[in-house]
Amino acid sequence: MSSFTGSTSKLPTLLPGFNREEEANTTVHCHDRTFKSVDVLDDANGQTMFRVSSKGASSLSWRRAISDGSGRKLFELRHMGYAMKNDWAVEDVEGTRICSLKHVNGMMAQNRSNLDAVIHGESAADDIGNTIEIRPRDRGALSTVVQYQGIELATIMNTEANDVTSLEKKGLDRTVWKARINTGVDISLILVAVLCLAEMEHVWRQ
């Protein structure tokens, strides 16, 4: 696996304007079990980059709304039904699916956190060969690498997991995640990967 040194135009982009000309480090605080409140902080200055909110799961899907630090809605992450085996979809503010994520290699315990993501182009042909691989390095998905065509985009670490009652009273987050995002990589794309990993942690209690 290699680091990327070429043009950033070759890297997959979910939303334009969220890549940097330097490495980025973020911390994602999932305050509760059902993602009613999530804050994404820039480690460089402590400012809020993104906020995530959810009303919880319904019989049809589980939606999370992702906004920027000013509160402007950017997109929704939608899990298609409550079953973990189902796919995720990223939908823009107009409701158009712009990215899909799915489990790969089955649902066995040793590989159930393996995900493939595709950012959709203008046609299905544009999706071929453009898979983004999300691969935990261990069974509990404490460390995960995101890669594209052999290029490492980011490393995600689960640094805190509190599966206890009365989280708010105890001043605890349900989970905390740190992402080291390589130069030129779309930070919003890596956030989607973190949210999917967090959902699996919250639901499966890995």
Protein backbone atom coordinates (compact mmCIF):
# COMPACT_ATOMS: atom_id res chain seq x y z
CA MET A 1 0.00 0.00 0.00
CA SER A 2 1.38 3.40 -0.92
CA SER A 3 0.87 7.02 0.00
CA PHE A 4 -0.44 9.32 -2.70
CA THR A 5 1.91 11.83 -4.32
CA GLY A 6 0.15 12.65 -7.59
CA SER A 7 -2.72 14.92 -8.57
CA THR A 8 -5.56 14.98 -6.06
CA SER A 9 -8.00 15.01 -8.99
CA LYS A 10 -7.44 11.24 -9.19
CA LEU A 11 -8.71 10.68 -5.67
CA PRO A 12 -12.38 9.82 -5.00
CA THR A 13 -14.42 12.83 -3.88
CA LEU A 14 -17.81 12.68 -2.21
CA LEU A 15 -18.18 16.44 -1.75
CA PRO A 16 -15.90 19.07 -3.30
CA GLY A 17 -14.20 21.51 -0.98
CA PHE A 18 -13.44 19.15 1.91
CA ASN A 19 -9.94 18.09 0.96
CA ARG A 20 -6.73 19.72 2.14
CA GLU A 21 -3.23 20.21 0.82
CA GLU A 22 -1.90 18.72 4.03
CA GLU A 23 -2.65 15.77 6.29
CA ALA A 24 -5.78 16.23 8.39
CA ASN A 25 -6.54 14.74 11.78
CA THR A 26 -10.07 14.61 13.14
CA THR A 27 -11.85 13.31 16.23
CA VAL A 28 -15.43 12.05 16.00
CA HIS A 29 -17.45 12.08 19.23
CA CYS A 30 -20.57 9.88 19.06
CA HIS A 31 -22.33 11.10 22.18
CA ASP A 32 -25.12 8.50 22.26
CA ARG A 33 -26.06 5.08 20.91
CA THR A 34 -28.38 6.20 18.12
CA PHE A 35 -26.40 9.15 16.71
CA LYS A 36 -28.79 11.81 17.90
CA SER A 37 -25.71 13.98 18.39
CA VAL A 38 -22.25 13.59 16.86
CA ASP A 39 -19.51 16.22 16.74
CA VAL A 40 -16.53 16.05 14.39
CA LEU A 41 -13.59 18.18 15.51
CA ASP A 42 -10.50 19.36 13.67
CA ASP A 43 -7.59 18.32 15.87
CA ALA A 44 -5.47 21.21 14.55
CA ASN A 45 -7.66 23.92 16.11
CA GLY A 46 -10.46 22.19 18.03
CA GLN A 47 -13.15 23.65 15.78
CA THR A 48 -16.27 21.73 14.78
CA MET A 49 -16.03 20.59 11.16
CA PHE A 50 -19.24 18.55 10.95
CA ARG A 51 -22.29 17.74 13.03
CA VAL A 52 -24.44 14.63 12.72
CA SER A 53 -28.00 14.16 13.96
CA SER A 54 -30.55 11.36 13.78
CA LYS A 55 -34.10 10.62 14.87
CA GLY A 56 -33.29 6.92 15.11
CA ALA A 57 -34.27 3.97 12.95
CA SER A 58 -37.64 3.35 11.34
CA SER A 59 -38.96 0.21 9.66
CA LEU A 60 -37.66 1.45 6.32
CA SER A 61 -34.29 3.02 7.05
CA TRP A 62 -32.01 4.71 9.53
CA ARG A 63 -31.10 8.24 8.47
CA ARG A 64 -28.37 10.49 9.78
CA ALA A 65 -28.15 14.11 8.64
CA ILE A 66 -24.63 15.49 8.21
CA SER A 67 -24.10 19.26 8.37
CA ASP A 68 -21.03 21.44 8.30
CA GLY A 69 -19.85 23.41 11.31
CA SER A 70 -22.22 26.28 10.51
CA GLY A 71 -25.25 23.97 10.43
CA ARG A 72 -25.63 23.82 6.63
CA LYS A 73 -26.93 20.38 5.66
CA LEU A 74 -24.58 18.54 3.32
CA PHE A 75 -26.00 15.03 2.89
CA GLU A 76 -27.69 12.12 4.63
CA LEU A 77 -26.30 8.69 5.44
CA ARG A 78 -29.09 6.16 5.15
CA HIS A 79 -28.95 2.52 6.25
CA MET A 80 -31.49 0.67 4.14
CA GLY A 81 -33.48 -1.04 6.88
CA TYR A 82 -32.30 -1.86 10.37
CA ALA A 83 -30.59 -5.19 9.53
CA MET A 84 -26.82 -4.79 9.59
CA LYS A 85 -26.42 -6.85 6.40
CA ASN A 86 -28.23 -4.17 4.38
CA ASP A 87 -26.43 -1.53 2.35
CA TRP A 88 -25.86 2.12 3.23
CA ALA A 89 -26.58 5.01 0.89
CA VAL A 90 -25.31 8.57 0.91
CA GLU A 91 -27.93 10.95 -0.47
CA ASP A 92 -27.40 14.59 -1.34
CA VAL A 93 -29.77 17.33 -0.19
CA GLU A 94 -32.01 16.62 -3.19
CA GLY A 95 -32.33 12.95 -2.26
CA THR A 96 -30.09 11.61 -5.02
CA ARG A 97 -27.89 8.66 -4.11
CA ILE A 98 -24.28 9.75 -4.60
CA CYS A 99 -22.49 6.91 -2.82
CA SER A 100 -23.21 3.32 -1.77
CA LEU A 101 -21.54 1.13 0.84
CA LYS A 102 -21.97 -2.60 1.33
CA HIS A 103 -20.56 -5.49 3.33
CA VAL A 104 -18.11 -7.78 1.55
CA ASN A 105 -16.87 -11.32 2.27
CA GLY A 106 -20.07 -12.28 4.02
CA MET A 107 -21.16 -11.64 7.58
CA MET A 108 -18.83 -13.98 9.46
CA ALA A 109 -17.39 -12.53 12.66
CA GLN A 110 -13.86 -12.27 11.33
CA ASN A 111 -14.75 -10.15 8.32
CA ARG A 112 -18.17 -8.61 8.91
CA SER A 113 -16.73 -5.09 9.22
CA ASN A 114 -15.21 -5.20 5.72
CA LEU A 115 -16.96 -2.62 3.55
CA ASP A 116 -16.76 -1.52 -0.07
CA ALA A 117 -17.86 1.97 -1.08
CA VAL A 118 -18.48 3.48 -4.50
CA ILE A 119 -19.05 7.15 -5.30
CA HIS A 120 -21.46 7.12 -8.20
CA GLY A 121 -20.69 8.82 -11.49
CA GLU A 122 -23.06 9.80 -14.26
CA SER A 123 -23.56 6.17 -15.32
CA ALA A 124 -23.07 2.67 -13.90
CA ALA A 125 -20.00 2.29 -16.11
CA ASP A 126 -18.31 5.07 -14.14
CA ASP A 127 -18.54 2.94 -10.97
CA ILE A 128 -16.49 0.06 -12.38
CA GLY A 129 -13.00 -0.10 -10.94
CA ASN A 130 -13.62 2.75 -8.51
CA THR A 131 -14.20 0.80 -5.30
CA ILE A 132 -13.04 2.32 -2.02
CA GLU A 133 -12.06 -0.43 0.42
CA ILE A 134 -12.68 -0.06 4.16
CA ARG A 135 -10.75 -2.81 5.91
CA PRO A 136 -10.36 -3.28 9.68
CA ARG A 137 -6.93 -4.49 10.70
CA ASP A 138 -8.32 -6.50 13.62
CA ARG A 139 -11.47 -8.39 14.52
CA GLY A 140 -12.83 -5.61 16.73
CA ALA A 141 -12.25 -2.90 14.10
CA LEU A 142 -10.15 -0.90 16.54
CA SER A 143 -7.91 0.11 13.63
CA THR A 144 -9.20 0.42 10.07
CA VAL A 145 -7.57 1.46 6.81
CA VAL A 146 -9.43 3.16 3.95
CA GLN A 147 -7.78 2.61 0.58
CA TYR A 148 -8.41 3.24 -3.10
CA GLN A 149 -6.62 1.39 -5.89
CA GLY A 150 -3.80 0.47 -3.52
CA ILE A 151 -3.46 4.01 -2.15
CA GLU A 152 -4.05 4.58 1.55
CA LEU A 153 -6.55 7.38 2.07
CA ALA A 154 -6.90 7.31 5.84
CA THR A 155 -6.45 5.35 9.03
CA ILE A 156 -9.34 5.24 11.51
CA MET A 157 -8.89 4.34 15.18
CA ASN A 158 -11.62 3.51 17.70
CA THR A 159 -10.13 5.15 20.78
CA GLU A 160 -13.06 4.92 23.19
CA ALA A 161 -16.05 2.59 23.51
CA ASN A 162 -18.38 2.94 26.49
CA ASP A 163 -21.14 0.36 26.47
CA VAL A 164 -22.65 1.45 29.77
CA THR A 165 -25.91 2.97 30.98
CA SER A 166 -26.44 6.67 31.72
CA LEU A 167 -23.72 7.87 29.36
CA GLU A 168 -24.73 11.52 29.66
CA LYS A 169 -24.85 11.48 33.46
CA LYS A 170 -21.40 9.93 33.53
CA GLY A 171 -20.02 12.44 31.03
CA LEU A 172 -19.13 9.71 28.55
CA ASP A 173 -19.43 9.36 24.79
CA ARG A 174 -20.70 6.07 23.40
CA THR A 175 -17.67 5.95 21.10
CA VAL A 176 -14.80 8.20 20.05
CA TRP A 177 -12.91 7.81 16.78
CA LYS A 178 -9.77 9.41 15.42
CA ALA A 179 -8.98 9.63 11.72
CA ARG A 180 -5.63 10.45 10.16
CA ILE A 181 -6.50 11.59 6.65
CA ASN A 182 -3.80 11.83 4.02
CA THR A 183 -3.07 14.88 1.89
CA GLY A 184 -5.74 15.66 -0.71
CA VAL A 185 -8.29 13.17 0.61
CA ASP A 186 -11.94 14.20 0.96
CA ILE A 187 -12.63 14.46 4.70
CA SER A 188 -16.40 14.03 4.20
CA LEU A 189 -15.80 10.64 2.58
CA ILE A 190 -13.77 9.44 5.55
CA LEU A 191 -16.50 10.67 7.90
CA VAL A 192 -18.96 8.36 6.15
CA ALA A 193 -16.61 5.44 6.76
CA VAL A 194 -16.32 6.38 10.44
CA LEU A 195 -20.11 6.57 10.85
CA CYS A 196 -20.60 3.12 9.32
CA LEU A 197 -17.93 1.65 11.59
CA ALA A 198 -19.49 3.40 14.58
CA GLU A 199 -22.92 2.01 13.77
CA MET A 200 -21.51 -1.51 13.65
CA GLU A 201 -19.80 -0.95 16.99
CA HIS A 202 -22.94 0.45 18.60
CA VAL A 203 -25.25 -2.27 17.26
CA TRP A 204 -22.97 -5.30 17.42
CA ARG A 205 -21.11 -4.16 20.56
CA GLN A 206 -17.86 -5.43 19.08
